[in-house]
């Protein structure tokens, strides 16, 4: 059994940390003089790992978490999820009942351990059951469409190390298949919950934005808070268990504070949130992508980029040039805007701010988004991005040389845009915020607009 567990730990963790998990080797010799990988009868098994600095763990309070680091972690997790094994539809893992059972266990165990000392438990249990009923069809559909995979299972900041400047995820769950064969957004939820608990909500939004731009799993937003509350309750349960142990008075007080903090976070995550819809308006090179991306973090905003979704519809990599593939035909442009509207609905329905980064040069392209905001009953804002034509030309030429640029716009595209651009109507100007090349992102003004 030990041999099997060690090989399983090696298999699971080499998916994310092959340079840390080196081998599974027998322990031989005697209890008094054991040796690794020597001759003679095997008395145990061990996983051989590369040692790393324990202070490099991201949960360490000294760890400097930056948007860039979190974006790289999101890329790592998204790539891992894309390649993870998919649960067969007939397997017992990840379906609605399998998702709910550990949530119920958390409530039962915390109640048994703490009694009636935390009245929020009943509210949280009721919310969980209500959301479960609302999400039942969605949970079934997510398993049927391959979103239940062999994930990490314990994806929080304490299991991510900064090694050679890059985030490395380690210590996946090997002892219980049901805790790792889960919805990919359940995996993500532990990390985003952890960031929220640490007062780093802006980084949680940055992680989520980057993860979704890679995976396109915007439907998963519907289940994210359901799983974030579950992950907060996992931590609350651990604190409740520790509370029952024989602890020094000071440590016991810290555990009580920790338990209360996770219950408070769980309640905050259950609060209803109203989303919003922001679109950009401007020619290529006018700063739309910069302004849109800068809103993620200061606002609970997720960016939807026409350049990315256009290429996704074509089935090509974001770095490829879609022009030669008919990426800017009238039909594909229409389909791209329709896809952006579909994704925006998912983002807003989940209580986030959808920032749709596209030119929106035609009134017919803008109208469906204004109508969508009205239908959903959320604020609608147009970021009116503009710059002198010569500045636009210079920016386009410079951008074409940048690594990682996903825009295909060249000077010929700009000239066509100058001809077809339709100005904002008086009604649209009432929703617009002018943004110029020298402007900072209008975060304060947007907060005021979105609070209405």
Protein backbone atom coordinates (compact mmCIF):
# COMPACT_ATOMS: atom_id res chain seq x y z
CA UNK A 1 0.00 0.00 0.00
CA UNK A 2 2.84 2.39 0.79
CA UNK A 3 4.51 1.58 -2.52
CA UNK A 4 1.32 2.22 -4.41
CA UNK A 5 0.70 5.51 -2.56
CA UNK A 6 4.24 6.74 -3.27
CA UNK A 7 4.00 5.95 -6.98
CA UNK A 8 0.59 7.62 -7.13
CA UNK A 9 1.96 10.74 -5.44
CA UNK A 10 4.82 10.78 -7.93
CA UNK A 11 2.49 10.37 -10.93
CA UNK A 12 0.07 13.07 -9.85
CA UNK A 13 2.63 15.67 -8.86
CA UNK A 14 4.97 15.23 -11.80
CA UNK A 15 2.16 16.65 -13.93
CA UNK A 16 2.80 20.06 -12.36
CA UNK A 17 6.22 19.78 -10.69
CA UNK A 18 8.40 17.26 -12.55
CA UNK A 19 11.61 18.94 -11.35
CA UNK A 20 10.59 18.54 -7.68
CA UNK A 21 9.18 15.01 -7.63
CA UNK A 22 12.13 12.88 -8.66
CA UNK A 23 11.38 9.24 -7.88
CA UNK A 24 9.66 6.68 -5.65
CA UNK A 25 12.25 4.43 -4.05
CA UNK A 26 12.28 1.50 -1.60
CA UNK A 27 13.66 1.87 1.91
CA UNK A 28 15.76 -1.14 2.92
CA UNK A 29 18.10 -2.06 5.74
CA UNK A 30 16.61 -1.97 9.23
CA UNK A 31 14.52 0.38 11.34
CA UNK A 32 17.66 1.37 13.21
CA UNK A 33 19.74 1.78 10.04
CA UNK A 34 17.45 2.44 7.06
CA UNK A 35 18.81 3.28 3.65
CA UNK A 36 17.14 4.48 0.46
CA UNK A 37 17.32 2.32 -2.64
CA UNK A 38 19.73 -0.21 -1.17
CA UNK A 39 19.71 -3.98 -1.40
CA UNK A 40 17.81 -6.37 0.83
CA UNK A 41 14.22 -6.66 2.00
CA UNK A 42 12.02 -3.60 1.56
CA UNK A 43 10.71 -2.18 4.83
CA UNK A 44 9.05 0.99 3.44
CA UNK A 45 8.79 3.28 0.44
CA UNK A 46 9.56 6.98 0.06
CA UNK A 47 9.04 9.77 -2.45
CA UNK A 48 12.32 11.44 -3.36
CA UNK A 49 11.96 15.18 -3.85
CA UNK A 50 14.15 18.16 -4.62
CA UNK A 51 14.34 20.43 -1.59
CA UNK A 52 13.20 24.04 -2.03
CA UNK A 53 13.13 27.09 0.21
CA UNK A 54 10.11 26.85 2.55
CA UNK A 55 10.00 30.65 2.68
CA UNK A 56 9.20 30.62 -1.05
CA UNK A 57 5.68 29.31 -0.42
CA UNK A 58 3.13 31.85 -1.67
CA UNK A 59 1.14 31.56 1.56
CA UNK A 60 4.14 32.97 3.40
CA UNK A 61 3.23 36.47 4.54
CA UNK A 62 6.55 37.69 3.19
CA UNK A 63 5.74 36.47 -0.31
CA UNK A 64 5.39 39.36 -2.74
CA UNK A 65 2.36 38.45 -4.84
CA UNK A 66 2.16 40.56 -7.99
CA UNK A 67 -0.37 40.56 -10.85
CA UNK A 68 2.37 39.27 -13.14
CA UNK A 69 3.13 36.31 -10.87
CA UNK A 70 -0.56 35.51 -10.45
CA UNK A 71 -1.07 35.70 -14.22
CA UNK A 72 1.74 33.18 -14.72
CA UNK A 73 0.18 30.93 -12.09
CA UNK A 74 -3.16 31.18 -13.90
CA UNK A 75 -1.47 30.17 -17.15
CA UNK A 76 0.12 27.19 -15.38
CA UNK A 77 -3.19 26.03 -13.89
CA UNK A 78 -5.15 26.60 -17.11
CA UNK A 79 -2.63 24.59 -19.13
CA UNK A 80 -2.69 21.83 -16.52
CA UNK A 81 -6.49 21.63 -16.53
CA UNK A 82 -6.57 21.53 -20.32
CA UNK A 83 -4.37 18.43 -20.32
CA UNK A 84 -5.84 16.69 -17.26
CA UNK A 85 -7.68 13.40 -17.72
CA UNK A 86 -11.46 13.77 -18.15
CA UNK A 87 -13.78 11.79 -15.90
CA UNK A 88 -15.95 9.30 -17.81
CA UNK A 89 -19.61 10.21 -17.59
CA UNK A 90 -20.25 6.87 -15.87
CA UNK A 91 -17.68 7.46 -13.08
CA UNK A 92 -19.07 8.49 -9.69
CA UNK A 93 -16.87 11.56 -9.38
CA UNK A 94 -17.75 15.22 -9.83
CA UNK A 95 -21.47 14.95 -10.42
CA UNK A 96 -24.02 16.95 -8.40
CA UNK A 97 -24.35 14.47 -5.52
CA UNK A 98 -20.59 13.98 -5.30
CA UNK A 99 -20.15 17.76 -5.19
CA UNK A 100 -22.73 18.29 -2.45
CA UNK A 101 -21.71 15.44 -0.12
CA UNK A 102 -18.44 16.99 1.20
CA UNK A 103 -20.22 20.32 1.63
CA UNK A 104 -22.81 18.67 3.84
CA UNK A 105 -20.06 16.87 5.74
CA UNK A 106 -18.37 20.20 6.48
CA UNK A 107 -21.52 21.64 8.01
CA UNK A 108 -22.19 18.47 10.00
CA UNK A 109 -18.67 18.30 11.41
CA UNK A 110 -18.42 21.99 12.28
CA UNK A 111 -21.80 21.89 14.00
CA UNK A 112 -20.82 18.78 15.97
CA UNK A 113 -17.58 20.44 17.03
CA UNK A 114 -18.82 23.94 17.84
CA UNK A 115 -22.50 23.43 18.71
CA UNK A 116 -24.63 26.53 18.26
CA UNK A 117 -21.75 28.91 18.73
CA UNK A 118 -21.85 30.08 15.10
CA UNK A 119 -25.40 30.92 13.95
CA UNK A 120 -24.07 31.70 10.47
CA UNK A 121 -23.72 27.94 9.90
CA UNK A 122 -27.46 27.52 9.40
CA UNK A 123 -27.58 30.41 6.94
CA UNK A 124 -24.61 29.04 5.01
CA UNK A 125 -26.09 25.56 4.87
CA UNK A 126 -29.42 26.94 3.63
CA UNK A 127 -27.67 29.02 0.97
CA UNK A 128 -25.64 26.01 -0.17
CA UNK A 129 -28.73 23.83 -0.54
CA UNK A 130 -30.59 26.59 -2.37
CA UNK A 131 -27.70 27.18 -4.79
CA UNK A 132 -27.35 23.43 -5.28
CA UNK A 133 -30.99 23.22 -6.39
CA UNK A 134 -30.53 26.18 -8.73
CA UNK A 135 -27.31 24.75 -10.19
CA UNK A 136 -28.38 21.12 -10.53
CA UNK A 137 -28.74 21.22 -14.31
CA UNK A 138 -25.51 23.19 -14.67
CA UNK A 139 -23.58 20.71 -12.52
CA UNK A 140 -24.90 17.82 -14.60
CA UNK A 141 -24.03 19.61 -17.84
CA UNK A 142 -20.50 20.43 -16.67
CA UNK A 143 -19.74 16.78 -16.00
CA UNK A 144 -21.31 15.73 -19.32
CA UNK A 145 -19.20 18.29 -21.21
CA UNK A 146 -15.87 17.21 -19.72
CA UNK A 147 -15.27 19.78 -16.97
CA UNK A 148 -14.82 17.13 -14.28
CA UNK A 149 -11.16 16.16 -14.52
CA UNK A 150 -8.32 14.70 -12.51
CA UNK A 151 -7.36 18.00 -10.91
CA UNK A 152 -4.94 18.96 -8.15
CA UNK A 153 -7.56 18.91 -5.40
CA UNK A 154 -5.75 21.09 -2.85
CA UNK A 155 -4.88 24.15 -4.90
CA UNK A 156 -4.22 26.93 -2.40
CA UNK A 157 -1.34 29.34 -1.81
CA UNK A 158 0.30 26.98 0.68
CA UNK A 159 0.84 24.47 -2.13
CA UNK A 160 2.50 26.86 -4.57
CA UNK A 161 6.20 27.69 -4.37
CA UNK A 162 8.20 30.31 -6.20
CA UNK A 163 11.13 28.38 -7.67
CA UNK A 164 13.62 30.00 -10.03
CA UNK A 165 11.20 32.89 -10.38
CA UNK A 166 8.21 30.80 -11.50
CA UNK A 167 5.19 29.50 -9.56
CA UNK A 168 5.29 25.73 -9.09
CA UNK A 169 2.25 23.83 -7.79
CA UNK A 170 2.96 20.79 -5.62
CA UNK A 171 1.32 18.35 -3.13
CA UNK A 172 -1.72 17.22 -5.10
CA UNK A 173 -4.17 14.93 -3.31
CA UNK A 174 -3.32 11.26 -3.86
CA UNK A 175 -5.13 9.62 -0.92
CA UNK A 176 -8.74 10.23 -2.04
CA UNK A 177 -9.65 10.16 -5.74
CA UNK A 178 -12.99 11.86 -5.06
CA UNK A 179 -11.18 14.96 -3.82
CA UNK A 180 -9.19 15.40 -7.03
CA UNK A 181 -11.65 14.15 -9.67
CA UNK A 182 -13.61 17.38 -9.49
CA UNK A 183 -14.89 20.27 -11.56
CA UNK A 184 -11.98 22.40 -12.74
CA UNK A 185 -13.68 25.47 -11.25
CA UNK A 186 -13.82 23.66 -7.90
CA UNK A 187 -10.03 23.42 -8.16
CA UNK A 188 -9.76 27.11 -9.07
CA UNK A 189 -12.13 28.09 -6.24
CA UNK A 190 -9.69 27.06 -3.51
CA UNK A 191 -7.07 29.45 -4.86
CA UNK A 192 -9.41 32.39 -5.47
CA UNK A 193 -11.00 31.86 -2.03
CA UNK A 194 -7.53 31.86 -0.48
CA UNK A 195 -6.72 35.16 -2.18
CA UNK A 196 -9.98 36.70 -1.00
CA UNK A 197 -9.31 35.52 2.55
CA UNK A 198 -5.89 37.14 2.48
CA UNK A 199 -7.37 40.50 1.48
CA UNK A 200 -6.12 40.09 -2.09
CA UNK A 201 -9.40 40.24 -3.99
CA UNK A 202 -7.73 42.18 -6.82
CA UNK A 203 -5.34 39.27 -7.39
CA UNK A 204 -8.23 36.80 -7.31
CA UNK A 205 -9.83 38.73 -10.18
CA UNK A 206 -6.50 38.86 -12.03
CA UNK A 207 -6.10 35.09 -11.69
CA UNK A 208 -9.65 34.44 -12.84
CA UNK A 209 -9.40 36.84 -15.78
CA UNK A 210 -6.23 35.23 -17.12
CA UNK A 211 -7.47 31.67 -16.48
CA UNK A 212 -10.73 32.29 -18.37
CA UNK A 213 -9.06 34.03 -21.29
CA UNK A 214 -7.05 30.83 -21.79
CA UNK A 215 -9.75 28.23 -21.07
CA UNK A 216 -12.88 30.15 -22.26
CA UNK A 217 -14.77 28.42 -19.45
CA UNK A 218 -16.96 31.43 -18.71
CA UNK A 219 -19.90 29.10 -18.06
CA UNK A 220 -17.96 27.95 -15.01
CA UNK A 221 -18.54 31.33 -13.36
CA UNK A 222 -22.04 30.10 -12.55
CA UNK A 223 -20.60 27.53 -10.12
CA UNK A 224 -17.55 29.40 -8.86
CA UNK A 225 -19.04 31.06 -5.77
CA UNK A 226 -20.78 27.79 -4.87
CA UNK A 227 -17.36 26.18 -4.74
CA UNK A 228 -15.62 29.17 -3.14
CA UNK A 229 -18.03 28.95 -0.19
CA UNK A 230 -17.30 25.22 0.01
CA UNK A 231 -13.56 25.87 0.11
CA UNK A 232 -13.98 28.48 2.85
CA UNK A 233 -15.94 25.92 4.85
CA UNK A 234 -13.16 23.35 4.37
CA UNK A 235 -10.80 25.78 6.06
CA UNK A 236 -13.39 26.56 8.75
CA UNK A 237 -13.72 22.84 9.48
CA UNK A 238 -9.95 22.48 9.88
CA UNK A 239 -9.96 25.40 12.32
CA UNK A 240 -12.88 23.86 14.24
CA UNK A 241 -10.96 20.57 14.55
CA UNK A 242 -7.86 22.37 15.81
CA UNK A 243 -10.02 24.26 18.29
CA UNK A 244 -10.81 20.96 20.04
CA UNK A 245 -7.14 20.12 20.54
CA UNK A 246 -5.12 20.85 23.66
CA UNK A 247 -3.65 24.19 22.66
CA UNK A 248 -1.95 27.02 24.55
CA UNK A 249 -4.35 29.89 25.27
CA UNK A 250 -2.79 32.25 22.73
CA UNK A 251 -2.83 29.68 19.96
CA UNK A 252 -6.42 28.75 20.76
CA UNK A 253 -7.42 32.40 20.44
CA UNK A 254 -5.76 32.58 17.01
CA UNK A 255 -7.61 29.45 15.89
CA UNK A 256 -10.92 30.95 17.03
CA UNK A 257 -10.18 34.10 15.04
CA UNK A 258 -9.29 31.99 12.02
CA UNK A 259 -12.54 30.00 12.26
CA UNK A 260 -14.58 33.19 12.53
CA UNK A 261 -12.72 34.75 9.58
CA UNK A 262 -13.57 31.86 7.24
CA UNK A 263 -17.21 31.89 8.28
CA UNK A 264 -17.30 35.66 7.67
CA UNK A 265 -15.71 35.20 4.25
CA UNK A 266 -18.19 32.46 3.36
CA UNK A 267 -21.09 34.74 4.25
CA UNK A 268 -19.58 37.57 2.22
CA UNK A 269 -19.25 35.26 -0.77
CA UNK A 270 -22.94 34.38 -0.56
CA UNK A 271 -24.03 38.02 -0.78
CA UNK A 272 -25.86 38.96 -3.98
CA UNK A 273 -23.71 40.97 -6.38
CA UNK A 274 -24.84 43.10 -9.30
CA UNK A 275 -22.66 42.92 -12.37
CA UNK A 276 -22.15 45.58 -15.02
CA UNK A 277 -21.36 45.82 -18.72
CA UNK A 278 -18.59 48.01 -20.13
CA UNK A 279 -17.72 48.16 -23.82
CA UNK A 280 -14.88 49.99 -25.50
CA UNK A 281 -15.29 52.24 -28.54
CA UNK A 282 -12.33 53.29 -30.62
CA UNK A 283 -10.02 52.70 -33.53
CA UNK A 284 -7.14 50.25 -33.46
CA UNK A 285 -4.28 51.62 -31.38
CA UNK A 286 -6.51 53.92 -29.30
CA UNK A 287 -5.72 52.14 -26.03
CA UNK A 288 -8.83 49.99 -25.67
CA UNK A 289 -7.00 46.85 -24.57
CA UNK A 290 -4.78 48.74 -22.13
CA UNK A 291 -7.73 50.53 -20.56
CA UNK A 292 -9.83 47.37 -20.36
CA UNK A 293 -7.10 45.21 -18.86
CA UNK A 294 -6.30 47.87 -16.25
CA UNK A 295 -9.81 47.54 -14.80
CA UNK A 296 -9.31 43.92 -13.69
CA UNK A 297 -8.25 44.10 -10.06
CA UNK A 298 -9.44 47.59 -9.15
CA UNK A 299 -12.88 46.33 -10.18
CA UNK A 300 -14.29 42.78 -10.08
CA UNK A 301 -13.89 42.87 -13.84
CA UNK A 302 -13.23 40.19 -16.45
CA UNK A 303 -12.06 41.17 -19.93
CA UNK A 304 -13.52 39.68 -23.10
CA UNK A 305 -11.27 40.42 -26.07
CA UNK A 306 -12.52 40.34 -29.63
CA UNK A 307 -9.03 39.48 -30.92
CA UNK A 308 -8.92 36.39 -28.69
CA UNK A 309 -12.50 35.22 -29.28
CA UNK A 310 -12.24 35.77 -33.05
CA UNK A 311 -9.29 33.42 -33.22
CA UNK A 312 -10.96 30.96 -30.89
CA UNK A 313 -13.85 30.77 -33.35
CA UNK A 314 -11.33 30.10 -36.11
CA UNK A 315 -9.62 27.43 -34.01
CA UNK A 316 -6.21 29.10 -34.17
CA UNK A 317 -3.70 30.18 -31.55
CA UNK A 318 -4.08 33.76 -30.23
CA UNK A 319 -0.64 34.58 -31.61
CA UNK A 320 -1.52 33.61 -35.20
CA UNK A 321 -2.59 36.17 -37.81
CA UNK A 322 -6.28 35.69 -38.50
CA UNK A 323 -6.34 38.03 -41.50
CA UNK A 324 -5.30 35.44 -44.07
CA UNK A 325 -7.88 33.01 -42.65
CA UNK A 326 -10.83 35.29 -43.25
CA UNK A 327 -10.85 36.44 -39.66
CA UNK A 328 -12.16 39.87 -40.57
CA UNK A 329 -14.91 38.83 -42.95
CA UNK A 330 -18.35 40.29 -42.29
CA UNK A 331 -19.68 36.89 -41.28
CA UNK A 332 -16.92 36.12 -38.76
CA UNK A 333 -17.09 39.64 -37.36
CA UNK A 334 -20.82 39.16 -36.78
CA UNK A 335 -20.18 35.80 -35.11
CA UNK A 336 -17.42 37.32 -32.96
CA UNK A 337 -19.70 40.05 -31.59
CA UNK A 338 -22.45 37.48 -30.99
CA UNK A 339 -19.98 35.33 -29.06
CA UNK A 340 -18.81 38.33 -27.03
CA UNK A 341 -22.43 39.09 -26.10
CA UNK A 342 -22.97 35.47 -25.03
CA UNK A 343 -19.87 35.53 -22.83
CA UNK A 344 -20.77 38.94 -21.40
CA UNK A 345 -24.11 37.54 -20.29
CA UNK A 346 -22.33 34.74 -18.38
CA UNK A 347 -19.95 37.21 -16.72
CA UNK A 348 -22.68 39.67 -15.69
CA UNK A 349 -25.04 36.91 -14.53
CA UNK A 350 -22.31 35.73 -12.16
CA UNK A 351 -22.06 39.20 -10.62
CA UNK A 352 -18.88 40.39 -12.30
CA UNK A 353 -18.18 43.42 -14.48
CA UNK A 354 -17.85 42.34 -18.12
CA UNK A 355 -15.37 44.51 -20.03
CA UNK A 356 -15.79 43.85 -23.76
CA UNK A 357 -12.68 44.93 -25.65
CA UNK A 358 -13.58 45.49 -29.30
CA UNK A 359 -13.70 48.45 -31.70
CA UNK A 360 -17.55 48.72 -31.67
CA UNK A 361 -17.29 51.19 -34.54
CA UNK A 362 -20.82 50.53 -35.81
CA UNK A 363 -24.01 51.48 -33.99
CA UNK A 364 -25.42 48.07 -34.96
CA UNK A 365 -22.59 46.41 -33.02
CA UNK A 366 -23.13 48.52 -29.92
CA UNK A 367 -26.93 48.28 -29.74
CA UNK A 368 -27.16 44.59 -28.69
CA UNK A 369 -24.85 45.23 -25.74
CA UNK A 370 -26.83 48.24 -24.58
CA UNK A 371 -29.96 46.10 -24.87
CA UNK A 372 -28.30 43.26 -22.95
CA UNK A 373 -27.43 45.58 -20.05
CA UNK A 374 -31.01 46.85 -20.00
CA UNK A 375 -32.36 43.29 -20.04
CA UNK A 376 -30.11 42.26 -17.14
CA UNK A 377 -30.81 45.48 -15.24
CA UNK A 378 -27.15 46.46 -14.84
CA UNK A 379 -25.17 49.64 -15.52
CA UNK A 380 -23.89 50.14 -19.08
CA UNK A 381 -20.75 52.17 -19.81
CA UNK A 382 -18.89 52.98 -23.04
CA UNK A 383 -15.17 53.71 -22.76
CA UNK A 384 -14.73 56.21 -25.60
CA UNK A 385 -11.07 55.72 -26.53
CA UNK A 386 -9.54 58.18 -28.98
CA UNK A 387 -6.17 59.53 -30.10
CA UNK A 388 -4.80 61.56 -33.02
CA UNK A 389 -4.51 59.53 -36.20
CA UNK A 390 -0.74 59.89 -36.33
CA UNK A 391 -0.48 58.51 -32.81
CA UNK A 392 -2.67 55.57 -33.82
CA UNK A 393 -0.39 54.81 -36.78
CA UNK A 394 2.72 54.88 -34.60
CA UNK A 395 1.12 52.63 -31.99
CA UNK A 396 0.01 50.07 -34.56
CA UNK A 397 3.50 49.89 -36.09
CA UNK A 398 5.09 49.46 -32.66
CA UNK A 399 2.51 46.92 -31.52
CA UNK A 400 3.10 44.70 -34.55
CA UNK A 401 6.64 44.15 -33.26
CA UNK A 402 5.67 43.27 -29.68
CA UNK A 403 5.95 39.70 -28.39
CA UNK A 404 2.63 38.29 -27.29
CA UNK A 405 0.56 40.74 -29.33
CA UNK A 406 -2.77 39.17 -30.34
CA UNK A 407 -4.05 42.05 -32.47
CA UNK A 408 -3.78 41.67 -36.26
CA UNK A 409 -4.66 45.29 -37.04
CA UNK A 410 -2.25 46.99 -39.45
CA UNK A 411 -2.29 50.38 -41.14
CA UNK A 412 -4.64 49.14 -43.86
CA UNK A 413 -7.12 48.05 -41.19
CA UNK A 414 -6.89 51.48 -39.56
CA UNK A 415 -7.62 53.24 -42.85
CA UNK A 416 -10.75 51.15 -43.36
CA UNK A 417 -11.86 51.85 -39.80
CA UNK A 418 -11.52 55.60 -40.33
CA UNK A 419 -13.98 55.33 -43.23
CA UNK A 420 -16.65 53.13 -41.58
CA UNK A 421 -16.59 54.51 -38.02
CA UNK A 422 -19.98 55.72 -36.84
CA UNK A 423 -20.00 58.34 -34.04
CA UNK A 424 -21.75 57.74 -30.75
CA UNK A 425 -25.33 58.97 -30.69
CA UNK A 426 -26.55 61.49 -28.12
CA UNK A 427 -28.10 58.62 -26.13
CA UNK A 428 -24.82 56.68 -26.25
CA UNK A 429 -22.83 59.74 -25.16
CA UNK A 430 -24.87 59.66 -21.96
CA UNK A 431 -23.20 56.31 -21.16
CA UNK A 432 -19.72 57.29 -22.39
CA UNK A 433 -16.54 58.12 -20.50
CA UNK A 434 -13.90 59.78 -22.72
CA UNK A 435 -10.45 58.22 -22.46
CA UNK A 436 -7.39 59.70 -24.12
CA UNK A 437 -3.82 58.38 -24.53
CA UNK A 438 -2.57 60.32 -21.52
CA UNK A 439 -5.53 59.31 -19.33
CA UNK A 440 -5.28 56.95 -16.39
CA UNK A 441 -7.95 54.23 -16.32
CA UNK A 442 -11.12 55.95 -15.00
CA UNK A 443 -11.51 53.61 -12.03
CA UNK A 444 -12.98 56.16 -9.58
CA UNK A 445 -15.51 57.44 -12.10
CA UNK A 446 -16.46 53.89 -13.06
CA UNK A 447 -17.02 52.95 -9.43
CA UNK A 448 -19.42 55.88 -9.16
CA UNK A 449 -21.23 54.89 -12.35
CA UNK A 450 -21.49 51.22 -11.42
CA UNK A 451 -22.79 51.97 -7.94
CA UNK A 452 -25.98 53.46 -9.37
